[in-house]
Amino acid sequence: MKKIIYIVLGFGFLISCSQPKQETESVEVADAVDLIQLKADYDSIATASQKALMMNVAGAIKKGGTEYAVEFCNEKAMPITDSLATKYQVSISRITNQTRNSTNDLKTDTDKAIFKSFEDNPSLIDSLVKEGEKYAYYKRINTALPTCIKCHGNPESDIEPATYTKIKTLYPNDKAIGYSMDELRGLWKIEKEN
């Protein structure tokens, strides 16, 4: 993202030097400011979505353990993000290369390329990418808490047998296991609805 903004700002500076019109410079700077604000807005939505999901999952674990939390996620994770999408008037999704729920798969070439860039660069936190006429914001989701590993770790050592049985029952094609702490699990993807 910083590279995109710097390029836009740098490009605006070059245009202003080569074309003495005051109008051109203000348009380029305004565009850069708009992109910075858009990124900040989308980051705020991703953070709110992560917080809402984690609070609800933590509540489910407290109520009935990880086995219950798997069932809770199966029924409630999508409605939670859908309600936030409605609130913020955006599209919110979680995407990954190792899905539990197949609706979270990497669907577009852009999604696949962006995911690869996050895999290749562990320090990359987020990215704002122009897709056609709109921007898509991607933000890293790591297995940041021991709780994550209780459902996404090694089935032989991290996931309780009853929890793993529940995962296999609700998600027969599950690929979202085998993670370690602080590993890339997926990405938030946020974009304005048309």
Protein backbone atom coordinates (compact mmCIF):
# COMPACT_ATOMS: atom_id res chain seq x y z
CA MET A 1 0.00 0.00 0.00
CA LYS A 2 2.73 2.43 0.87
CA LYS A 3 4.32 1.83 -2.52
CA ILE A 4 1.02 2.58 -4.26
CA ILE A 5 0.52 5.79 -2.30
CA TYR A 6 4.10 6.90 -2.84
CA ILE A 7 3.79 6.19 -6.54
CA VAL A 8 0.58 8.19 -6.72
CA LEU A 9 2.13 11.05 -4.76
CA GLY A 10 5.33 10.87 -6.80
CA PHE A 11 3.37 10.73 -10.04
CA GLY A 12 1.36 13.76 -8.95
CA PHE A 13 4.57 15.64 -8.24
CA LEU A 14 5.99 14.74 -11.67
CA ILE A 15 2.82 15.83 -13.41
CA SER A 16 2.79 19.10 -11.52
CA CYS A 17 6.39 19.76 -12.63
CA SER A 18 5.77 18.93 -16.27
CA GLN A 19 2.37 20.59 -16.51
CA PRO A 20 2.26 23.94 -14.74
CA LYS A 21 -1.52 23.83 -14.24
CA GLN A 22 -2.44 24.12 -10.56
CA GLU A 23 -5.54 22.01 -11.28
CA THR A 24 -3.54 18.83 -12.11
CA GLU A 25 -1.52 18.90 -8.89
CA SER A 26 -4.58 19.32 -6.66
CA VAL A 27 -6.38 16.42 -8.40
CA GLU A 28 -3.41 14.04 -7.88
CA VAL A 29 -2.95 15.06 -4.23
CA ALA A 30 -6.69 14.74 -3.64
CA ASP A 31 -6.62 11.24 -5.16
CA ALA A 32 -3.75 10.22 -2.87
CA VAL A 33 -5.54 11.64 0.18
CA ASP A 34 -8.70 9.76 -0.83
CA LEU A 35 -6.73 6.50 -1.09
CA ILE A 36 -5.16 7.02 2.32
CA GLN A 37 -8.61 7.66 3.80
CA LEU A 38 -10.13 4.66 1.99
CA LYS A 39 -7.38 2.39 3.34
CA ALA A 40 -7.93 3.74 6.86
CA ASP A 41 -11.70 3.22 6.58
CA TYR A 42 -11.33 -0.35 5.29
CA ASP A 43 -8.72 -1.14 7.93
CA SER A 44 -11.14 0.02 10.60
CA ILE A 45 -13.86 -2.25 9.18
CA ALA A 46 -11.48 -5.24 9.06
CA THR A 47 -10.44 -4.60 12.67
CA ALA A 48 -14.07 -4.33 13.80
CA SER A 49 -14.93 -7.54 11.93
CA GLN A 50 -12.01 -9.44 13.48
CA LYS A 51 -12.91 -8.16 16.95
CA ALA A 52 -16.59 -9.09 16.57
CA LEU A 53 -15.78 -12.57 15.30
CA MET A 54 -13.16 -13.27 17.98
CA MET A 55 -15.41 -12.00 20.79
CA ASN A 56 -18.21 -14.28 19.63
CA VAL A 57 -15.93 -17.29 19.21
CA ALA A 58 -14.41 -16.67 22.65
CA GLY A 59 -17.94 -16.53 24.09
CA ALA A 60 -18.82 -19.81 22.37
CA ILE A 61 -15.69 -21.49 23.73
CA LYS A 62 -16.49 -20.23 27.21
CA LYS A 63 -20.04 -21.51 26.91
CA GLY A 64 -19.34 -24.98 25.53
CA GLY A 65 -15.69 -25.51 24.65
CA THR A 66 -14.07 -25.78 21.25
CA GLU A 67 -16.48 -28.44 20.02
CA TYR A 68 -19.36 -26.05 20.58
CA ALA A 69 -17.35 -23.18 19.03
CA VAL A 70 -16.96 -25.16 15.78
CA GLU A 71 -20.73 -25.55 15.59
CA PHE A 72 -21.17 -21.88 16.47
CA CYS A 73 -18.81 -20.80 13.68
CA ASN A 74 -20.60 -23.07 11.22
CA GLU A 75 -23.91 -21.36 11.95
CA LYS A 76 -22.97 -17.81 12.99
CA ALA A 77 -19.65 -16.67 11.46
CA MET A 78 -21.16 -15.69 8.11
CA PRO A 79 -24.18 -13.91 9.62
CA ILE A 80 -21.83 -11.92 11.88
CA THR A 81 -19.74 -10.68 8.95
CA ASP A 82 -22.86 -10.18 6.81
CA SER A 83 -24.40 -7.93 9.47
CA LEU A 84 -21.20 -5.87 9.61
CA ALA A 85 -21.15 -5.67 5.81
CA THR A 86 -24.69 -4.29 5.89
CA LYS A 87 -23.78 -1.83 8.64
CA TYR A 88 -20.75 -0.49 6.75
CA GLN A 89 -22.28 -0.91 3.25
CA VAL A 90 -19.35 -2.96 1.98
CA SER A 91 -18.63 -6.53 1.02
CA ILE A 92 -16.69 -8.36 3.76
CA SER A 93 -15.16 -11.77 3.24
CA ARG A 94 -12.41 -13.95 4.64
CA ILE A 95 -10.35 -15.70 2.00
CA THR A 96 -7.71 -18.41 2.23
CA ASN A 97 -5.90 -21.11 0.33
CA GLN A 98 -6.80 -23.73 2.98
CA THR A 99 -10.54 -23.45 3.48
CA ARG A 100 -12.80 -24.83 6.12
CA ASN A 101 -15.85 -23.28 4.48
CA SER A 102 -15.52 -23.44 0.69
CA THR A 103 -17.12 -20.00 0.29
CA ASN A 104 -13.85 -18.58 1.67
CA ASP A 105 -11.75 -19.94 -1.20
CA LEU A 106 -9.50 -17.73 -3.34
CA LYS A 107 -11.81 -17.10 -6.28
CA THR A 108 -10.11 -14.57 -8.52
CA ASP A 109 -6.62 -14.35 -10.00
CA THR A 110 -6.18 -11.14 -8.03
CA ASP A 111 -7.08 -12.92 -4.76
CA LYS A 112 -4.55 -15.65 -5.56
CA ALA A 113 -1.80 -13.17 -6.43
CA ILE A 114 -2.45 -11.05 -3.35
CA PHE A 115 -2.52 -14.11 -1.08
CA LYS A 116 0.82 -15.24 -2.56
CA SER A 117 2.32 -11.82 -1.86
CA PHE A 118 1.25 -12.12 1.80
CA GLU A 119 2.72 -15.65 1.97
CA ASP A 120 6.01 -14.44 0.52
CA ASN A 121 6.23 -11.38 2.75
CA PRO A 122 5.45 -12.05 6.45
CA SER A 123 5.79 -8.35 7.28
CA LEU A 124 3.03 -7.37 4.83
CA ILE A 125 0.03 -6.38 6.95
CA ASP A 126 -2.43 -5.03 4.41
CA SER A 127 -2.82 -3.94 0.83
CA LEU A 128 -5.19 -1.76 -1.18
CA VAL A 129 -5.52 -2.93 -4.77
CA LYS A 130 -7.48 -1.47 -7.66
CA GLU A 131 -9.67 -4.08 -9.33
CA GLY A 132 -11.37 -2.66 -12.39
CA GLU A 133 -13.15 0.47 -11.26
CA LYS A 134 -13.07 -0.26 -7.53
CA TYR A 135 -10.57 -0.89 -4.79
CA ALA A 136 -10.26 -4.05 -2.72
CA TYR A 137 -8.59 -3.99 0.69
CA TYR A 138 -6.80 -7.09 1.98
CA LYS A 139 -5.60 -7.53 5.57
CA ARG A 140 -3.61 -10.39 7.05
CA ILE A 141 -5.23 -12.87 9.45
CA ASN A 142 -2.66 -14.81 11.45
CA THR A 143 -3.18 -17.60 13.98
CA ALA A 144 -2.36 -15.09 16.69
CA LEU A 145 -3.92 -16.77 19.74
CA PRO A 146 -3.58 -20.23 21.27
CA THR A 147 -7.35 -20.47 20.86
CA CYS A 148 -6.89 -20.44 17.05
CA ILE A 149 -4.68 -23.52 17.26
CA LYS A 150 -7.35 -25.43 19.21
CA CYS A 151 -9.39 -25.60 15.99
CA HIS A 152 -6.76 -24.99 13.29
CA GLY A 153 -3.64 -26.66 14.68
CA ASN A 154 -2.37 -30.21 14.43
CA PRO A 155 -5.23 -32.72 14.88
CA GLU A 156 -2.86 -35.13 16.65
CA SER A 157 -1.59 -32.71 19.28
CA ASP A 158 -3.56 -29.43 19.32
CA ILE A 159 -7.18 -30.24 18.52
CA GLU A 160 -9.27 -32.26 20.98
CA PRO A 161 -10.65 -35.47 19.42
CA ALA A 162 -14.30 -34.46 19.95
CA THR A 163 -13.59 -31.07 18.36
CA TYR A 164 -11.89 -32.68 15.39
CA THR A 165 -14.80 -35.08 14.94
CA LYS A 166 -17.16 -32.09 14.92
CA ILE A 167 -14.98 -30.32 12.34
CA LYS A 168 -14.99 -33.38 10.07
CA THR A 169 -18.77 -33.76 10.49
CA LEU A 170 -19.61 -30.14 9.70
CA TYR A 171 -16.81 -29.59 7.16
CA PRO A 172 -16.06 -32.91 5.42
CA ASN A 173 -13.66 -31.20 2.99
CA ASP A 174 -11.83 -29.22 5.67
CA LYS A 175 -8.29 -28.09 4.81
CA ALA A 176 -7.91 -25.52 7.60
CA ILE A 177 -5.71 -27.52 9.95
CA GLY A 178 -2.01 -27.95 10.58
CA TYR A 179 -1.29 -24.33 11.47
CA SER A 180 1.24 -23.12 14.03
CA MET A 181 1.15 -19.93 16.08
CA ASP A 182 1.57 -16.67 14.13
CA GLU A 183 1.13 -18.32 10.76
CA LEU A 184 -0.83 -16.76 7.87
CA ARG A 185 -4.33 -18.25 8.08
CA GLY A 186 -6.15 -16.01 5.60
CA LEU A 187 -7.05 -12.47 4.60
CA TRP A 188 -9.91 -10.10 5.19
CA LYS A 189 -11.15 -8.74 1.89
CA ILE A 190 -13.25 -5.61 1.94
CA GLU A 191 -14.65 -3.72 -1.00
CA LYS A 192 -17.45 -1.30 -1.70
CA GLU A 193 -20.62 -2.93 -2.98
CA ASN A 194 -21.72 -1.77 -6.41
